[in-house]
């Protein structure tokens, strides 16, 4: 297990200017205090992103999207991939500007200012803590179904403990174990694809081969776009890759070129993860839509059947054995999706604490493991409480599921504004491009706002309350700094 000695890492305060229009690395010119270890390869970054997203993320909402889109579920995911590409591009641009662990917190801070940066980090924190709680709860529910003698809250707590220990062991170790789990998930998906193709060859499709792209009956772009507002939530998690910017190999070093190479690696990983997820989502929904025994109209008329529509399709077309295999894969995969989310949450808390926006105790890096141990434990504690609380309630999953996502979406909105702020308002780094630095973030912002508008009232309310609390904390910090400045005169 990692050692227990912690030391402060990096520097605090406002962003310093770096060469070539980038923000200076917090480790450059720092003291001998150890920082985050630069051990992650390009593959490791992809693993963290895909783990958090989950290769079979559409399973739970397949029926809902079928009903909403009139059967054009694959087109929904293709459009959603393009829609989220604007956000991925903004991440790829800003990680080159500020290759630091804070992700969107850092980007808003350098592009819009200290206050906006804090709010971006504060809103992202909401989802980075609650999305893993939902994933842990999914894992606990699945394990309870397999072993009914043990309550689901026990399985949920056990999943939190095991994945937290892996994260504390070290980012590289967690990535290696995560790769094995991800390989298993993709292998199960491959089994589904082979079995589905075999069934289609042997017995044909339930509907036209183009139906997953054109819909069943009359095509409605309005219905497709309504479904896209739900489908984009499947992609939440690819952005977590940016949180590991200070741990990517080549991200730092004595040569300025090393920093650029590391930032490029993280940027490529963000874009690659989105494309890979989009392809996986499109393939599995296309095959499932062709084999689904219930039409889109039937699913729309029977909302109670929508949640299990993918499993119903697998049962009818292939058999119960594949149903059980997919369910077991989702149970294990959910726990490791939470592992990736918890790791990203720890880096966010670490970066905000390093800038004195959160208690300084979390701005410590463990000497033995090279991870922000206290920040990880803080994230794990909050997630554990939320997940176990929900696991002990009959309506716990509904409560948690209804409030996640708005925080991350708000942070995405500030990310796009940061792009414009850095490249067009501050005109840093290079001659700004209207297409890349204005059109792309504006379109991305429009997509994010549309999804927030479509979110549940509960999610909007919780997001608004969390934002209000964040603004109050920001005001308190501002007044404290002002008082300290006055006292120092």
Protein backbone atom coordinates (compact mmCIF):
# COMPACT_ATOMS: atom_id res chain seq x y z
CA UNK A 1 0.00 0.00 0.00
CA UNK A 2 1.16 3.55 -0.53
CA UNK A 3 2.99 5.43 2.13
CA UNK A 4 1.34 7.90 4.40
CA UNK A 5 3.69 10.85 4.16
CA UNK A 6 2.13 13.81 2.39
CA UNK A 7 3.78 16.94 1.08
CA UNK A 8 2.38 20.05 -0.53
CA UNK A 9 2.60 20.17 -4.28
CA UNK A 10 2.76 22.94 -6.81
CA UNK A 11 2.05 26.57 -6.24
CA UNK A 12 -0.99 28.54 -5.24
CA UNK A 13 -2.42 31.74 -6.53
CA UNK A 14 -3.38 32.99 -9.94
CA UNK A 15 -2.32 31.45 -13.23
CA UNK A 16 1.06 32.45 -14.45
CA UNK A 17 1.85 33.02 -18.05
CA UNK A 18 3.82 30.38 -19.87
CA UNK A 19 5.62 30.29 -23.15
CA UNK A 20 3.73 30.14 -26.41
CA UNK A 21 0.50 31.50 -24.96
CA UNK A 22 0.02 28.70 -22.45
CA UNK A 23 -0.38 28.76 -18.69
CA UNK A 24 2.75 27.85 -16.79
CA UNK A 25 3.03 24.33 -15.38
CA UNK A 26 2.47 24.48 -11.60
CA UNK A 27 5.44 22.23 -11.16
CA UNK A 28 7.86 24.40 -13.09
CA UNK A 29 10.21 26.16 -10.78
CA UNK A 30 8.52 24.56 -7.79
CA UNK A 31 10.24 23.38 -4.67
CA UNK A 32 11.45 19.83 -4.09
CA UNK A 33 7.98 18.82 -2.91
CA UNK A 34 6.78 15.94 -5.07
CA UNK A 35 3.94 16.47 -7.49
CA UNK A 36 1.66 14.12 -9.37
CA UNK A 37 3.60 11.39 -11.15
CA UNK A 38 3.81 11.51 -14.93
CA UNK A 39 3.21 7.83 -15.67
CA UNK A 40 0.04 7.62 -17.79
CA UNK A 41 0.34 6.55 -21.42
CA UNK A 42 -2.07 7.41 -24.22
CA UNK A 43 -3.73 4.02 -23.69
CA UNK A 44 -4.15 4.68 -19.96
CA UNK A 45 -5.91 7.97 -20.69
CA UNK A 46 -8.30 6.22 -23.07
CA UNK A 47 -8.94 3.55 -20.43
CA UNK A 48 -9.93 6.12 -17.82
CA UNK A 49 -12.24 7.89 -20.27
CA UNK A 50 -13.98 4.76 -21.55
CA UNK A 51 -14.28 3.30 -18.05
CA UNK A 52 -16.09 6.39 -16.84
CA UNK A 53 -18.39 6.45 -19.89
CA UNK A 54 -18.88 2.62 -19.94
CA UNK A 55 -18.80 0.86 -23.35
CA UNK A 56 -22.38 -0.38 -22.92
CA UNK A 57 -23.82 2.85 -21.52
CA UNK A 58 -26.83 2.77 -23.92
CA UNK A 59 -28.17 -0.45 -22.36
CA UNK A 60 -30.16 1.33 -19.67
CA UNK A 61 -31.71 4.00 -21.90
CA UNK A 62 -32.05 2.07 -25.17
CA UNK A 63 -35.82 1.69 -24.80
CA UNK A 64 -36.32 5.32 -23.84
CA UNK A 65 -34.40 6.54 -26.89
CA UNK A 66 -36.23 4.12 -29.18
CA UNK A 67 -39.57 5.47 -27.98
CA UNK A 68 -38.56 9.13 -28.11
CA UNK A 69 -36.98 8.97 -31.58
CA UNK A 70 -39.62 6.85 -33.27
CA UNK A 71 -37.12 4.01 -33.73
CA UNK A 72 -34.16 6.03 -35.05
CA UNK A 73 -31.98 5.23 -32.03
CA UNK A 74 -28.72 4.78 -33.97
CA UNK A 75 -29.17 8.12 -35.71
CA UNK A 76 -29.70 9.63 -32.26
CA UNK A 77 -26.27 8.43 -31.14
CA UNK A 78 -24.59 9.56 -34.35
CA UNK A 79 -26.04 13.06 -33.91
CA UNK A 80 -25.17 13.01 -30.19
CA UNK A 81 -21.56 12.14 -31.01
CA UNK A 82 -21.33 15.11 -33.35
CA UNK A 83 -23.01 17.35 -30.77
CA UNK A 84 -20.56 16.33 -28.04
CA UNK A 85 -17.64 16.72 -30.45
CA UNK A 86 -17.90 20.50 -30.00
CA UNK A 87 -17.33 20.08 -26.26
CA UNK A 88 -14.52 17.59 -26.85
CA UNK A 89 -12.84 20.03 -29.23
CA UNK A 90 -13.03 22.80 -26.64
CA UNK A 91 -11.42 20.49 -24.10
CA UNK A 92 -8.70 19.58 -26.58
CA UNK A 93 -7.96 23.26 -27.22
CA UNK A 94 -7.96 24.34 -23.58
CA UNK A 95 -5.88 21.43 -22.28
CA UNK A 96 -3.11 22.71 -24.56
CA UNK A 97 -3.53 26.16 -23.02
CA UNK A 98 -3.50 24.94 -19.41
CA UNK A 99 -2.29 21.33 -19.04
CA UNK A 100 -3.15 21.09 -15.34
CA UNK A 101 -5.08 18.72 -13.09
CA UNK A 102 -8.02 21.07 -12.53
CA UNK A 103 -9.57 20.47 -15.96
CA UNK A 104 -12.54 22.81 -16.55
CA UNK A 105 -11.84 24.63 -13.28
CA UNK A 106 -8.44 25.67 -14.61
CA UNK A 107 -9.73 26.48 -18.10
CA UNK A 108 -12.47 28.80 -16.83
CA UNK A 109 -9.98 30.36 -14.43
CA UNK A 110 -7.52 31.32 -17.17
CA UNK A 111 -10.16 32.14 -19.78
CA UNK A 112 -12.74 34.01 -17.70
CA UNK A 113 -11.13 34.80 -14.36
CA UNK A 114 -10.82 33.49 -10.82
CA UNK A 115 -14.52 33.70 -9.96
CA UNK A 116 -15.71 31.85 -13.05
CA UNK A 117 -13.02 29.23 -12.51
CA UNK A 118 -14.22 28.55 -8.99
CA UNK A 119 -17.85 28.23 -10.13
CA UNK A 120 -16.85 25.88 -12.96
CA UNK A 121 -14.96 23.69 -10.52
CA UNK A 122 -17.77 23.90 -7.97
CA UNK A 123 -20.38 22.78 -10.51
CA UNK A 124 -18.18 20.01 -11.91
CA UNK A 125 -17.59 18.82 -8.34
CA UNK A 126 -21.29 18.07 -7.95
CA UNK A 127 -21.30 15.50 -10.73
CA UNK A 128 -17.79 14.16 -10.13
CA UNK A 129 -19.00 13.19 -6.65
CA UNK A 130 -22.53 12.03 -7.49
CA UNK A 131 -22.06 10.19 -10.79
CA UNK A 132 -19.68 7.70 -9.10
CA UNK A 133 -22.28 7.30 -6.33
CA UNK A 134 -24.87 6.27 -8.93
CA UNK A 135 -22.37 3.86 -10.51
CA UNK A 136 -21.55 2.29 -7.13
CA UNK A 137 -25.25 1.90 -6.43
CA UNK A 138 -25.78 0.16 -9.80
CA UNK A 139 -23.00 -2.25 -8.86
CA UNK A 140 -24.52 -2.88 -5.43
CA UNK A 141 -27.98 -3.54 -6.89
CA UNK A 142 -26.55 -6.00 -9.43
CA UNK A 143 -24.52 -7.88 -6.81
CA UNK A 144 -27.53 -8.05 -4.49
CA UNK A 145 -29.50 -9.66 -7.31
CA UNK A 146 -26.76 -12.30 -7.64
CA UNK A 147 -26.30 -12.77 -3.87
CA UNK A 148 -29.64 -11.80 -2.25
CA UNK A 149 -28.45 -12.78 1.22
CA UNK A 150 -26.21 -9.69 1.39
CA UNK A 151 -27.97 -6.31 1.39
CA UNK A 152 -27.23 -4.03 -1.54
CA UNK A 153 -25.83 -1.28 0.70
CA UNK A 154 -23.10 -3.69 1.83
CA UNK A 155 -22.13 -4.47 -1.76
CA UNK A 156 -22.26 -0.75 -2.56
CA UNK A 157 -19.94 0.13 0.34
CA UNK A 158 -17.60 -2.73 -0.57
CA UNK A 159 -17.31 -1.44 -4.15
CA UNK A 160 -16.40 2.02 -2.82
CA UNK A 161 -13.74 0.61 -0.52
CA UNK A 162 -12.11 -1.65 -3.11
CA UNK A 163 -11.90 0.97 -5.85
CA UNK A 164 -10.72 3.63 -3.41
CA UNK A 165 -7.86 1.37 -2.34
CA UNK A 166 -6.90 0.91 -5.99
CA UNK A 167 -6.91 4.66 -6.54
CA UNK A 168 -4.77 5.16 -3.44
CA UNK A 169 -2.33 2.51 -4.62
CA UNK A 170 -1.36 4.67 -7.57
CA UNK A 171 -2.72 6.05 -10.81
CA UNK A 172 -0.75 3.57 -12.91
CA UNK A 173 -1.93 0.53 -10.91
CA UNK A 174 -5.53 1.67 -11.15
CA UNK A 175 -5.11 2.16 -14.90
CA UNK A 176 -3.72 -1.38 -15.35
CA UNK A 177 -6.58 -2.97 -13.41
CA UNK A 178 -9.02 -0.68 -15.20
CA UNK A 179 -7.67 -1.85 -18.55
CA UNK A 180 -8.43 -5.47 -17.63
CA UNK A 181 -12.01 -4.55 -16.65
CA UNK A 182 -12.47 -2.46 -19.79
CA UNK A 183 -11.19 -5.34 -21.92
CA UNK A 184 -13.76 -7.59 -20.25
CA UNK A 185 -16.56 -5.12 -20.96
CA UNK A 186 -15.57 -4.81 -24.61
CA UNK A 187 -15.28 -8.62 -24.86
CA UNK A 188 -18.86 -8.96 -23.59
CA UNK A 189 -19.96 -6.35 -26.10
CA UNK A 190 -18.16 -8.31 -28.82
CA UNK A 191 -20.01 -11.46 -27.77
CA UNK A 192 -23.29 -9.58 -28.10
CA UNK A 193 -22.31 -8.28 -31.55
CA UNK A 194 -21.35 -11.77 -32.82
CA UNK A 195 -24.49 -13.35 -31.36
CA UNK A 196 -26.70 -10.59 -32.80
CA UNK A 197 -25.15 -10.87 -36.26
CA UNK A 198 -25.58 -14.66 -36.17
CA UNK A 199 -29.24 -14.23 -35.25
CA UNK A 200 -29.77 -11.71 -38.06
CA UNK A 201 -28.13 -14.01 -40.59
CA UNK A 202 -30.17 -16.99 -39.44
CA UNK A 203 -33.58 -15.40 -38.95
CA UNK A 204 -33.46 -11.87 -40.33
CA UNK A 205 -34.38 -8.56 -38.76
CA UNK A 206 -37.60 -7.58 -37.03
CA UNK A 207 -37.78 -4.40 -39.14
CA UNK A 208 -36.10 -2.75 -42.11
CA UNK A 209 -32.30 -2.59 -42.15
CA UNK A 210 -32.37 1.20 -42.33
CA UNK A 211 -34.97 1.63 -39.56
CA UNK A 212 -32.42 2.41 -36.78
CA UNK A 213 -31.28 5.34 -38.95
CA UNK A 214 -34.55 6.51 -40.47
CA UNK A 215 -37.09 5.49 -37.84
CA UNK A 216 -40.14 3.27 -38.03
CA UNK A 217 -42.80 4.87 -40.17
CA UNK A 218 -42.62 8.63 -40.62
CA UNK A 219 -39.32 10.33 -39.77
CA UNK A 220 -39.30 13.22 -37.30
CA UNK A 221 -36.15 15.28 -36.81
CA UNK A 222 -37.81 16.96 -33.85
CA UNK A 223 -38.23 13.58 -32.16
CA UNK A 224 -34.61 12.68 -32.92
CA UNK A 225 -33.31 15.91 -31.40
CA UNK A 226 -35.46 15.38 -28.30
CA UNK A 227 -33.85 11.97 -27.90
CA UNK A 228 -30.38 13.44 -28.50
CA UNK A 229 -30.85 15.64 -25.41
CA UNK A 230 -31.02 12.41 -23.39
CA UNK A 231 -28.39 10.46 -25.34
CA UNK A 232 -25.63 13.04 -24.80
CA UNK A 233 -25.69 12.12 -21.11
CA UNK A 234 -24.21 8.74 -22.08
CA UNK A 235 -20.98 10.54 -23.01
CA UNK A 236 -20.41 12.25 -19.67
CA UNK A 237 -17.03 11.01 -18.49
CA UNK A 238 -14.78 11.52 -21.51
CA UNK A 239 -13.93 14.91 -20.03
CA UNK A 240 -12.38 13.18 -17.00
CA UNK A 241 -9.31 12.51 -19.14
CA UNK A 242 -8.38 16.19 -18.91
CA UNK A 243 -8.10 15.87 -15.12
CA UNK A 244 -4.99 13.70 -15.61
CA UNK A 245 -3.09 16.32 -17.61
CA UNK A 246 -0.30 16.54 -15.01
CA UNK A 247 0.11 12.74 -15.00
CA UNK A 248 0.40 12.06 -18.73
CA UNK A 249 3.85 11.01 -19.86
CA UNK A 250 5.71 13.85 -21.46
CA UNK A 251 3.31 16.35 -19.96
CA UNK A 252 6.15 18.12 -18.24
CA UNK A 253 9.91 18.23 -18.28
CA UNK A 254 12.87 20.52 -18.63
CA UNK A 255 12.16 21.16 -22.29
CA UNK A 256 9.21 23.31 -23.31
CA UNK A 257 8.43 20.78 -26.05
CA UNK A 258 7.75 18.09 -23.45
CA UNK A 259 4.82 20.05 -22.09
CA UNK A 260 3.33 20.53 -25.53
CA UNK A 261 3.69 16.82 -26.34
CA UNK A 262 1.94 15.84 -23.13
CA UNK A 263 -0.90 18.30 -23.73
CA UNK A 264 -1.27 16.98 -27.27
CA UNK A 265 -1.48 13.43 -25.90
CA UNK A 266 -4.30 14.37 -23.53
CA UNK A 267 -6.10 16.33 -26.27
CA UNK A 268 -5.90 13.37 -28.67
CA UNK A 269 -7.14 11.04 -25.95
CA UNK A 270 -10.22 13.20 -25.29
CA UNK A 271 -11.16 13.25 -28.99
CA UNK A 272 -10.33 9.57 -29.53
CA UNK A 273 -12.39 8.49 -26.52
CA UNK A 274 -15.44 10.33 -27.84
CA UNK A 275 -15.12 8.78 -31.30
CA UNK A 276 -14.59 5.25 -29.94
CA UNK A 277 -17.58 5.61 -27.62
CA UNK A 278 -19.70 6.92 -30.48
CA UNK A 279 -18.83 3.92 -32.67
CA UNK A 280 -19.52 1.42 -29.86
CA UNK A 281 -22.85 3.07 -29.05
CA UNK A 282 -23.93 3.16 -32.71
CA UNK A 283 -23.06 -0.50 -33.37
CA UNK A 284 -24.81 -1.95 -30.32
CA UNK A 285 -27.95 0.17 -30.71
CA UNK A 286 -28.17 -0.62 -34.44
CA UNK A 287 -28.10 -4.37 -33.80
CA UNK A 288 -30.45 -4.17 -30.82
CA UNK A 289 -32.94 -2.05 -32.78
CA UNK A 290 -33.03 -4.61 -35.60
CA UNK A 291 -33.69 -7.45 -33.16
CA UNK A 292 -36.03 -5.70 -30.69
CA UNK A 293 -39.34 -7.59 -30.39
CA UNK A 294 -41.23 -4.40 -29.45
CA UNK A 295 -41.66 -1.54 -31.88
CA UNK A 296 -40.91 2.07 -30.99
CA UNK A 297 -44.64 2.79 -30.86
CA UNK A 298 -45.22 -0.09 -28.44
CA UNK A 299 -42.40 1.13 -26.19
CA UNK A 300 -43.84 4.65 -26.25
CA UNK A 301 -47.22 3.25 -25.21
CA UNK A 302 -45.67 1.18 -22.40
CA UNK A 303 -43.11 3.34 -20.55
CA UNK A 304 -42.65 0.61 -17.95
CA UNK A 305 -41.04 -1.61 -20.59
CA UNK A 306 -38.47 0.95 -21.71
CA UNK A 307 -35.87 0.42 -18.97
CA UNK A 308 -35.49 -3.29 -19.67
CA UNK A 309 -35.90 -3.08 -23.47
CA UNK A 310 -32.29 -3.98 -24.24
CA UNK A 311 -32.37 -7.01 -21.94
CA UNK A 312 -35.74 -8.06 -23.35
CA UNK A 313 -34.22 -7.95 -26.81
CA UNK A 314 -31.24 -10.06 -25.75
CA UNK A 315 -33.51 -12.61 -24.07
CA UNK A 316 -35.81 -12.91 -27.09
CA UNK A 317 -33.13 -12.95 -29.78
CA UNK A 318 -30.20 -14.77 -28.18
CA UNK A 319 -31.08 -16.22 -24.79
CA UNK A 320 -30.94 -15.74 -21.04
CA UNK A 321 -27.24 -16.64 -20.84
CA UNK A 322 -26.27 -13.46 -22.68
CA UNK A 323 -28.68 -11.45 -20.54
CA UNK A 324 -26.85 -12.68 -17.42
CA UNK A 325 -23.44 -12.04 -19.01
CA UNK A 326 -24.34 -8.47 -19.92
CA UNK A 327 -25.81 -7.86 -16.45
CA UNK A 328 -22.65 -9.19 -14.72
CA UNK A 329 -20.47 -7.06 -16.99
CA UNK A 330 -22.52 -3.97 -16.17
CA UNK A 331 -22.19 -4.71 -12.43
CA UNK A 332 -18.39 -4.89 -12.51
CA UNK A 333 -18.11 -2.14 -15.09
CA UNK A 334 -20.20 0.25 -12.98
CA UNK A 335 -17.81 -0.08 -10.04
CA UNK A 336 -14.83 0.74 -12.23
CA UNK A 337 -16.64 3.58 -13.93
CA UNK A 338 -16.92 4.96 -10.41
CA UNK A 339 -13.18 4.34 -9.92
CA UNK A 340 -12.39 6.60 -12.88
CA UNK A 341 -14.87 9.21 -11.67
CA UNK A 342 -13.46 9.16 -8.16
CA UNK A 343 -9.92 9.58 -9.52
CA UNK A 344 -11.01 12.60 -11.58
CA UNK A 345 -12.86 14.07 -8.58
CA UNK A 346 -9.71 13.72 -6.50
CA UNK A 347 -7.67 15.65 -9.08
CA UNK A 348 -10.29 18.40 -9.21
CA UNK A 349 -10.32 18.80 -5.43
CA UNK A 350 -6.51 18.72 -5.40
CA UNK A 351 -6.23 21.47 -8.00
CA UNK A 352 -8.77 23.70 -6.26
CA UNK A 353 -7.05 23.18 -2.90
CA UNK A 354 -3.67 23.96 -4.45
CA UNK A 355 -5.10 27.32 -5.51
CA UNK A 356 -6.47 27.84 -1.98
CA UNK A 357 -10.07 27.53 -3.14
CA UNK A 358 -10.60 24.47 -0.91
CA UNK A 359 -8.91 23.44 2.36
CA UNK A 360 -5.15 23.24 1.82
CA UNK A 361 -4.95 19.77 3.38
CA UNK A 362 -6.23 18.34 0.08
CA UNK A 363 -3.36 19.94 -1.85
CA UNK A 364 -1.02 17.18 -0.71
CA UNK A 365 0.55 14.44 -2.78
CA UNK A 366 1.40 11.13 -1.14
CA UNK A 367 5.14 10.45 -1.26
CA UNK A 368 4.76 6.71 -1.74
CA UNK A 369 2.05 6.56 -4.40
CA UNK A 370 2.27 9.97 -6.05
CA UNK A 371 -1.51 10.54 -5.82
CA UNK A 372 -3.48 13.27 -3.99
CA UNK A 373 -4.38 10.91 -1.16
CA UNK A 374 -6.36 13.30 1.01
CA UNK A 375 -8.34 14.67 -1.92
CA UNK A 376 -9.16 11.11 -3.02
CA UNK A 377 -10.26 10.18 0.50
CA UNK A 378 -12.41 13.31 0.67
CA UNK A 379 -14.09 12.43 -2.63
CA UNK A 380 -14.52 8.80 -1.52
CA UNK A 381 -16.11 9.84 1.78
CA UNK A 382 -18.75 12.01 0.10
CA UNK A 383 -19.47 9.38 -2.53
CA UNK A 384 -19.69 6.62 0.10
CA UNK A 385 -22.24 8.55 2.15
CA UNK A 386 -24.37 9.37 -0.91
CA UNK A 387 -24.21 5.84 -2.34
CA UNK A 388 -24.96 4.02 0.94
CA UNK A 389 -27.77 6.46 1.78
CA UNK A 390 -29.35 5.75 -1.60
CA UNK A 391 -28.75 2.00 -1.31
CA UNK A 392 -30.72 1.88 1.96
CA UNK A 393 -33.78 3.55 0.39
CA UNK A 394 -36.26 1.99 -2.00
CA UNK A 395 -36.30 5.18 -4.05
CA UNK A 396 -32.59 5.93 -3.63
CA UNK A 397 -31.64 5.25 -7.25
CA UNK A 398 -34.40 7.51 -8.53
CA UNK A 399 -33.28 10.32 -6.23
CA UNK A 400 -29.62 10.11 -7.23
CA UNK A 401 -30.28 9.59 -10.94
CA UNK A 402 -32.57 12.59 -11.12
CA UNK A 403 -30.01 15.12 -9.86
CA UNK A 404 -26.79 14.15 -11.62
CA UNK A 405 -25.50 15.73 -14.83
CA UNK A 406 -26.59 19.36 -14.43
CA UNK A 407 -23.36 20.25 -12.64
CA UNK A 408 -21.18 18.84 -15.41
CA UNK A 409 -23.31 20.46 -18.09
CA UNK A 410 -22.98 23.85 -16.41
CA UNK A 411 -19.23 23.33 -16.26
CA UNK A 412 -19.28 22.49 -19.99
CA UNK A 413 -21.04 25.78 -20.66
CA UNK A 414 -18.29 27.66 -18.81
CA UNK A 415 -15.69 25.65 -20.74
CA UNK A 416 -17.06 26.97 -24.05
CA UNK A 417 -17.18 30.50 -22.67
CA UNK A 418 -13.56 30.07 -21.57
CA UNK A 419 -12.56 29.19 -25.13
CA UNK A 420 -13.99 32.46 -26.36
CA UNK A 421 -12.54 34.36 -23.42
CA UNK A 422 -9.01 33.07 -23.92
CA UNK A 423 -8.73 33.20 -27.69
CA UNK A 424 -11.04 36.06 -28.67
CA UNK A 425 -11.27 38.41 -25.67
CA UNK A 426 -7.78 38.04 -24.28
CA UNK A 427 -6.40 37.14 -27.73
CA UNK A 428 -3.70 34.96 -26.26
CA UNK A 429 -1.51 32.29 -27.84
CA UNK A 430 -2.21 32.85 -31.52
CA UNK A 431 -4.27 34.78 -34.03
CA UNK A 432 -7.82 33.68 -33.15
CA UNK A 433 -9.94 31.82 -35.67
CA UNK A 434 -13.62 32.71 -35.98
CA UNK A 435 -14.49 29.11 -36.84
CA UNK A 436 -12.41 27.31 -34.20
CA UNK A 437 -12.54 29.84 -31.38
CA UNK A 438 -16.02 31.33 -31.79
CA UNK A 439 -18.33 29.15 -33.91
CA UNK A 440 -17.32 25.83 -32.33
CA UNK A 441 -17.71 26.96 -28.69
CA UNK A 442 -20.95 28.85 -29.46
CA UNK A 443 -22.49 25.74 -31.05
CA UNK A 444 -21.20 23.62 -28.17
CA UNK A 445 -22.71 26.08 -25.70
CA UNK A 446 -26.06 25.95 -27.50
CA UNK A 447 -26.09 22.14 -27.29
CA UNK A 448 -25.30 22.20 -23.57
CA UNK A 449 -27.97 24.80 -22.82
CA UNK A 450 -30.55 22.75 -24.76
CA UNK A 451 -29.74 19.67 -22.69
CA UNK A 452 -29.96 21.61 -19.42
CA UNK A 453 -33.39 22.94 -20.47
CA UNK A 454 -34.52 19.34 -21.11
CA UNK A 455 -33.24 18.11 -17.74
CA UNK A 456 -35.67 17.13 -14.99
CA UNK A 457 -37.05 19.82 -12.72
CA UNK A 458 -35.37 18.13 -9.76
CA UNK A 459 -32.00 18.23 -11.48
CA UNK A 460 -32.47 21.89 -12.38
CA UNK A 461 -33.48 22.73 -8.80
CA UNK A 462 -30.54 20.89 -7.26
CA UNK A 463 -28.19 22.50 -9.77
CA UNK A 464 -29.55 25.95 -8.96
CA UNK A 465 -29.22 25.38 -5.20
CA UNK A 466 -25.67 24.07 -5.61
CA UNK A 467 -24.81 27.08 -7.77
CA UNK A 468 -26.24 29.43 -5.13
CA UNK A 469 -24.14 27.77 -2.43
CA UNK A 470 -21.07 28.08 -4.66
CA UNK A 471 -21.72 31.78 -5.21
CA UNK A 472 -22.06 32.25 -1.43
CA UNK A 473 -18.75 30.46 -0.84
CA UNK A 474 -17.11 32.58 -3.53
CA UNK A 475 -18.45 35.77 -1.94
CA UNK A 476 -17.13 34.68 1.46
CA UNK A 477 -13.69 33.98 -0.01
CA UNK A 478 -13.67 37.35 -1.75
CA UNK A 479 -14.56 39.19 1.46
CA UNK A 480 -11.95 37.25 3.41
CA UNK A 481 -9.21 38.11 0.93
CA UNK A 482 -10.33 41.72 0.94
CA UNK A 483 -10.20 41.87 4.75
CA UNK A 484 -6.75 40.28 4.78
CA UNK A 485 -5.56 42.80 2.22
CA UNK A 486 -6.94 45.70 4.24
CA UNK A 487 -5.38 44.37 7.45
CA UNK A 488 -2.00 44.01 5.74
CA UNK A 489 -1.80 47.69 4.77
